[in-house]
């Protein structure tokens, strides 16, 4: 994961901290949306 992708994931997780969404949910949903590979 590149620097920009890491920053985007961190921002999304920070913003959604208020909602009942787990980090696993982000790990499952974000990579396909951002077209990331392992």
Foldseek 3Di string as FASTA:
>chain_A
DDPVLVVVLVVVCVVCVVPPDDVVNCVVPVCVVVVHDD
